[in-house]
Amino acid sequence: MALLTIYMSGNGKKAKSVLHTKVLLKNGVIVEIKIWKVTDKLQYPDRYKYSLYCVYEGMVLVGYDNHHPKGHHRHVGGTEMPYHFKDLKALRNDFKADIEVQLAKR
C-alpha cells in the first residue's frame, strides 16, 4: 500500500514522500516504513527523513529514524543506539535483518 504523505522539513518546504507502507503480518507484527526526500540539508545532510518501525503488541521491537536533532539512530530490543546511514537500500536491509533477529527471539 503506497500512501502520499507530506512532511514539512525544518525550512518550511514540503518534503516529498518516497515510500509509505504499513503491513500487518500474520503473527500480529506491524511493520511501517516512511521515507521522505527533504530539501533541508542542514537538518538532514543525507537529504532523507525516515521512520521505520516494527511493533508487536504495542511494543517497539525495532525502530530506525533520524529525527532532528538526534540524527541517525535505531531502537532494538528496548535499547537505543547510533546508526551509520549509508543509503536507502542498506537502511531497509539493516532494518529487515534486525526484525528477523528480534522475531527469532520470540
N, C-alpha and C. Protein backbone atom coordinates (compact mmCIF):
# COMPACT_ATOMS: atom_id res chain seq x y z
N MET A 1 0.84 -1.15 0.00
CA MET A 1 0.00 0.00 0.00
C MET A 1 0.90 1.23 0.00
N ALA A 2 0.79 2.07 -0.97
CA ALA A 2 1.56 3.30 -1.03
C ALA A 2 0.63 4.46 -0.73
N LEU A 3 1.02 5.28 0.19
CA LEU A 3 0.22 6.43 0.59
C LEU A 3 1.03 7.69 0.36
N LEU A 4 0.36 8.76 -0.03
CA LEU A 4 1.03 10.04 -0.19
C LEU A 4 1.08 10.73 1.16
N THR A 5 2.26 11.02 1.62
CA THR A 5 2.43 11.67 2.91
C THR A 5 3.25 12.93 2.70
N ILE A 6 2.80 14.02 3.28
CA ILE A 6 3.53 15.27 3.19
C ILE A 6 4.16 15.55 4.55
N TYR A 7 5.40 15.91 4.54
CA TYR A 7 6.15 16.23 5.75
C TYR A 7 6.77 17.60 5.53
N MET A 8 6.68 18.46 6.53
CA MET A 8 7.30 19.77 6.43
C MET A 8 8.72 19.67 6.96
N SER A 9 9.70 19.99 6.14
CA SER A 9 11.07 19.98 6.62
C SER A 9 11.31 21.24 7.45
N GLY A 10 12.43 21.30 8.12
CA GLY A 10 12.72 22.39 9.04
C GLY A 10 12.71 23.77 8.40
N ASN A 11 12.92 23.85 7.10
CA ASN A 11 12.93 25.15 6.44
C ASN A 11 11.55 25.54 5.91
N GLY A 12 10.51 24.79 6.29
CA GLY A 12 9.15 25.13 5.90
C GLY A 12 8.74 24.61 4.53
N LYS A 13 9.64 24.00 3.80
CA LYS A 13 9.31 23.46 2.49
C LYS A 13 8.76 22.05 2.64
N LYS A 14 7.85 21.70 1.76
CA LYS A 14 7.27 20.36 1.80
C LYS A 14 8.30 19.34 1.34
N ALA A 15 8.29 18.22 2.02
CA ALA A 15 9.15 17.11 1.63
C ALA A 15 8.32 16.14 0.80
N LYS A 16 8.97 15.43 -0.08
CA LYS A 16 8.26 14.51 -0.96
C LYS A 16 8.35 13.09 -0.41
N SER A 17 7.21 12.44 -0.31
CA SER A 17 7.17 11.06 0.16
C SER A 17 7.82 10.15 -0.88
N VAL A 18 8.79 9.38 -0.44
CA VAL A 18 9.45 8.40 -1.30
C VAL A 18 8.76 7.05 -1.12
N LEU A 19 8.39 6.75 0.13
CA LEU A 19 7.75 5.47 0.42
C LEU A 19 6.97 5.56 1.71
N HIS A 20 5.76 5.01 1.72
CA HIS A 20 4.99 4.84 2.96
C HIS A 20 4.21 3.55 2.81
N THR A 21 4.58 2.60 3.62
CA THR A 21 3.90 1.32 3.60
C THR A 21 3.69 0.84 5.03
N LYS A 22 2.56 0.21 5.26
CA LYS A 22 2.25 -0.34 6.58
C LYS A 22 1.64 -1.71 6.35
N VAL A 23 2.25 -2.73 6.98
CA VAL A 23 1.85 -4.11 6.76
C VAL A 23 1.59 -4.78 8.10
N LEU A 24 0.49 -5.52 8.18
CA LEU A 24 0.19 -6.35 9.34
C LEU A 24 0.53 -7.79 8.96
N LEU A 25 1.53 -8.35 9.63
CA LEU A 25 1.94 -9.72 9.34
C LEU A 25 1.02 -10.72 10.03
N LYS A 26 1.05 -11.96 9.60
CA LYS A 26 0.17 -13.00 10.15
C LYS A 26 0.34 -13.17 11.65
N ASN A 27 1.53 -12.96 12.15
CA ASN A 27 1.81 -13.15 13.58
C ASN A 27 1.43 -11.95 14.44
N GLY A 28 0.76 -10.95 13.83
CA GLY A 28 0.33 -9.77 14.58
C GLY A 28 1.34 -8.65 14.62
N VAL A 29 2.47 -8.83 14.00
CA VAL A 29 3.51 -7.80 13.95
C VAL A 29 3.14 -6.75 12.91
N ILE A 30 3.30 -5.49 13.27
CA ILE A 30 3.05 -4.38 12.35
C ILE A 30 4.39 -3.80 11.93
N VAL A 31 4.59 -3.66 10.63
CA VAL A 31 5.81 -3.05 10.09
C VAL A 31 5.39 -1.83 9.29
N GLU A 32 5.94 -0.68 9.65
CA GLU A 32 5.62 0.56 8.93
C GLU A 32 6.92 1.24 8.52
N ILE A 33 6.97 1.64 7.26
CA ILE A 33 8.14 2.32 6.71
C ILE A 33 7.68 3.63 6.09
N LYS A 34 8.31 4.74 6.51
CA LYS A 34 8.03 6.06 5.94
C LYS A 34 9.37 6.71 5.59
N ILE A 35 9.51 7.11 4.35
CA ILE A 35 10.74 7.77 3.90
C ILE A 35 10.35 8.99 3.07
N TRP A 36 10.97 10.13 3.38
CA TRP A 36 10.73 11.37 2.65
C TRP A 36 12.05 11.89 2.09
N LYS A 37 11.98 12.51 0.93
CA LYS A 37 13.10 13.26 0.36
C LYS A 37 12.90 14.70 0.82
N VAL A 38 13.91 15.26 1.50
CA VAL A 38 13.77 16.60 2.06
C VAL A 38 14.77 17.56 1.42
N THR A 39 14.46 18.84 1.54
CA THR A 39 15.34 19.86 0.97
C THR A 39 16.23 20.51 2.02
N ASP A 40 15.94 20.28 3.29
CA ASP A 40 16.69 20.90 4.38
C ASP A 40 18.00 20.16 4.63
N LYS A 41 19.06 20.63 3.99
CA LYS A 41 20.36 19.97 4.10
C LYS A 41 21.02 20.19 5.46
N LEU A 42 20.64 21.24 6.17
CA LEU A 42 21.22 21.49 7.49
C LEU A 42 20.75 20.45 8.51
N GLN A 43 19.45 20.18 8.54
CA GLN A 43 18.92 19.20 9.49
C GLN A 43 19.06 17.77 8.98
N TYR A 44 19.04 17.60 7.67
CA TYR A 44 19.11 16.26 7.07
C TYR A 44 20.15 16.26 5.96
N PRO A 45 21.45 16.18 6.32
CA PRO A 45 22.51 16.27 5.31
C PRO A 45 22.44 15.19 4.23
N ASP A 46 21.84 14.05 4.56
CA ASP A 46 21.70 12.97 3.57
C ASP A 46 20.47 13.16 2.69
N ARG A 47 19.71 14.23 2.98
CA ARG A 47 18.51 14.61 2.20
C ARG A 47 17.34 13.65 2.36
N TYR A 48 17.37 12.79 3.36
CA TYR A 48 16.24 11.89 3.63
C TYR A 48 15.84 11.97 5.09
N LYS A 49 14.54 11.94 5.31
CA LYS A 49 13.96 11.80 6.65
C LYS A 49 13.27 10.45 6.62
N TYR A 50 13.47 9.65 7.68
CA TYR A 50 12.86 8.33 7.66
C TYR A 50 12.40 7.89 9.04
N SER A 51 11.45 6.98 9.02
CA SER A 51 10.91 6.36 10.23
C SER A 51 10.49 4.95 9.85
N LEU A 52 11.21 3.96 10.36
CA LEU A 52 10.91 2.56 10.08
C LEU A 52 10.68 1.88 11.42
N TYR A 53 9.51 1.29 11.60
CA TYR A 53 9.19 0.67 12.88
C TYR A 53 8.54 -0.69 12.72
N CYS A 54 8.89 -1.57 13.64
CA CYS A 54 8.31 -2.90 13.75
C CYS A 54 7.76 -3.00 15.17
N VAL A 55 6.45 -3.22 15.29
CA VAL A 55 5.78 -3.19 16.59
C VAL A 55 5.00 -4.49 16.79
N TYR A 56 5.05 -5.01 18.01
CA TYR A 56 4.28 -6.20 18.36
C TYR A 56 3.63 -5.97 19.71
N GLU A 57 2.31 -6.12 19.74
CA GLU A 57 1.52 -5.93 20.96
C GLU A 57 1.85 -4.61 21.65
N GLY A 58 1.97 -3.55 20.85
CA GLY A 58 2.22 -2.21 21.37
C GLY A 58 3.66 -1.93 21.77
N MET A 59 4.54 -2.89 21.60
CA MET A 59 5.95 -2.72 21.97
C MET A 59 6.81 -2.62 20.72
N VAL A 60 7.70 -1.62 20.70
CA VAL A 60 8.61 -1.47 19.57
C VAL A 60 9.69 -2.55 19.65
N LEU A 61 9.73 -3.40 18.64
CA LEU A 61 10.79 -4.41 18.55
C LEU A 61 12.02 -3.82 17.89
N VAL A 62 11.77 -3.09 16.79
CA VAL A 62 12.86 -2.47 16.03
C VAL A 62 12.36 -1.13 15.50
N GLY A 63 13.20 -0.11 15.59
CA GLY A 63 12.86 1.19 15.02
C GLY A 63 14.11 1.89 14.52
N TYR A 64 14.00 2.49 13.36
CA TYR A 64 15.09 3.29 12.80
C TYR A 64 14.50 4.66 12.47
N ASP A 65 15.16 5.73 12.90
CA ASP A 65 14.72 7.06 12.49
C ASP A 65 15.86 8.05 12.59
N ASN A 66 15.62 9.22 12.07
CA ASN A 66 16.66 10.26 12.07
C ASN A 66 16.07 11.63 12.33
N HIS A 67 15.14 11.70 13.27
CA HIS A 67 14.52 12.99 13.56
C HIS A 67 15.55 13.97 14.10
N HIS A 68 15.31 15.23 13.82
CA HIS A 68 16.18 16.31 14.29
C HIS A 68 15.87 16.60 15.75
N PRO A 69 16.78 16.79 16.65
CA PRO A 69 18.22 16.95 16.45
C PRO A 69 19.03 15.67 16.65
N LYS A 70 18.40 14.54 16.94
CA LYS A 70 19.17 13.31 17.24
C LYS A 70 19.96 12.78 16.06
N GLY A 71 19.41 12.85 14.87
CA GLY A 71 20.08 12.27 13.72
C GLY A 71 19.84 10.77 13.63
N HIS A 72 20.67 10.09 12.87
CA HIS A 72 20.50 8.66 12.60
C HIS A 72 20.67 7.84 13.88
N HIS A 73 19.66 7.03 14.19
CA HIS A 73 19.74 6.11 15.33
C HIS A 73 18.72 5.00 15.15
N ARG A 74 18.87 3.97 15.97
CA ARG A 74 17.95 2.84 15.89
C ARG A 74 17.60 2.37 17.30
N HIS A 75 16.46 1.71 17.39
CA HIS A 75 15.95 1.14 18.63
C HIS A 75 15.82 -0.36 18.38
N VAL A 76 16.52 -1.15 19.18
CA VAL A 76 16.46 -2.61 19.01
C VAL A 76 16.33 -3.25 20.38
N GLY A 77 15.26 -4.01 20.56
CA GLY A 77 15.06 -4.72 21.82
C GLY A 77 15.07 -3.82 23.04
N GLY A 78 14.52 -2.61 22.90
CA GLY A 78 14.44 -1.69 24.03
C GLY A 78 15.67 -0.82 24.24
N THR A 79 16.67 -0.95 23.39
CA THR A 79 17.89 -0.16 23.52
C THR A 79 18.05 0.77 22.32
N GLU A 80 18.38 2.03 22.58
CA GLU A 80 18.63 3.00 21.51
C GLU A 80 20.13 3.09 21.29
N MET A 81 20.53 3.12 20.01
CA MET A 81 21.95 3.22 19.67
C MET A 81 22.12 3.99 18.37
N PRO A 82 23.30 4.56 18.14
CA PRO A 82 23.55 5.28 16.88
C PRO A 82 23.43 4.32 15.68
N TYR A 83 23.13 4.91 14.53
CA TYR A 83 23.06 4.13 13.29
C TYR A 83 23.87 4.85 12.23
N HIS A 84 24.73 4.12 11.54
CA HIS A 84 25.53 4.70 10.45
C HIS A 84 24.75 4.54 9.14
N PHE A 85 24.16 5.65 8.66
CA PHE A 85 23.37 5.63 7.43
C PHE A 85 24.30 5.60 6.22
N LYS A 86 24.07 4.63 5.32
CA LYS A 86 24.84 4.55 4.07
C LYS A 86 23.99 5.01 2.90
N ASP A 87 22.85 4.31 2.72
CA ASP A 87 21.90 4.65 1.66
C ASP A 87 20.58 3.96 2.00
N LEU A 88 19.55 4.23 1.19
CA LEU A 88 18.22 3.69 1.48
C LEU A 88 18.17 2.16 1.39
N LYS A 89 18.90 1.59 0.46
CA LYS A 89 18.90 0.13 0.33
C LYS A 89 19.49 -0.52 1.59
N ALA A 90 20.61 -0.01 2.05
CA ALA A 90 21.24 -0.55 3.27
C ALA A 90 20.33 -0.33 4.48
N LEU A 91 19.67 0.81 4.54
CA LEU A 91 18.74 1.10 5.63
C LEU A 91 17.66 0.03 5.71
N ARG A 92 17.02 -0.25 4.59
CA ARG A 92 15.95 -1.25 4.57
C ARG A 92 16.49 -2.65 4.87
N ASN A 93 17.67 -2.98 4.36
CA ASN A 93 18.27 -4.29 4.64
C ASN A 93 18.63 -4.45 6.12
N ASP A 94 19.20 -3.41 6.71
CA ASP A 94 19.56 -3.45 8.13
C ASP A 94 18.31 -3.58 9.00
N PHE A 95 17.27 -2.83 8.64
CA PHE A 95 16.00 -2.88 9.35
C PHE A 95 15.42 -4.30 9.30
N LYS A 96 15.40 -4.88 8.11
CA LYS A 96 14.87 -6.24 7.94
C LYS A 96 15.69 -7.25 8.75
N ALA A 97 17.01 -7.12 8.73
CA ALA A 97 17.87 -8.05 9.48
C ALA A 97 17.59 -7.96 10.97
N ASP A 98 17.43 -6.74 11.50
CA ASP A 98 17.13 -6.59 12.93
C ASP A 98 15.76 -7.17 13.28
N ILE A 99 14.79 -7.01 12.38
CA ILE A 99 13.46 -7.60 12.61
C ILE A 99 13.58 -9.12 12.70
N GLU A 100 14.30 -9.72 11.77
CA GLU A 100 14.46 -11.18 11.77
C GLU A 100 15.09 -11.67 13.07
N VAL A 101 16.09 -10.96 13.57
CA VAL A 101 16.74 -11.34 14.83
C VAL A 101 15.76 -11.23 15.99
N GLN A 102 15.01 -10.13 16.05
CA GLN A 102 14.08 -9.93 17.16
C GLN A 102 12.93 -10.94 17.12
N LEU A 103 12.43 -11.25 15.93
CA LEU A 103 11.34 -12.23 15.83
C LEU A 103 11.82 -13.64 16.18
N ALA A 104 13.07 -13.94 15.87
CA ALA A 104 13.62 -15.26 16.20
C ALA A 104 13.72 -15.46 17.72
N LYS A 105 13.81 -14.37 18.46
CA LYS A 105 13.89 -14.44 19.92
C LYS A 105 12.54 -14.70 20.57
N ARG A 106 11.46 -14.59 19.81
CA ARG A 106 10.11 -14.71 20.38
C ARG A 106 9.60 -16.12 20.27
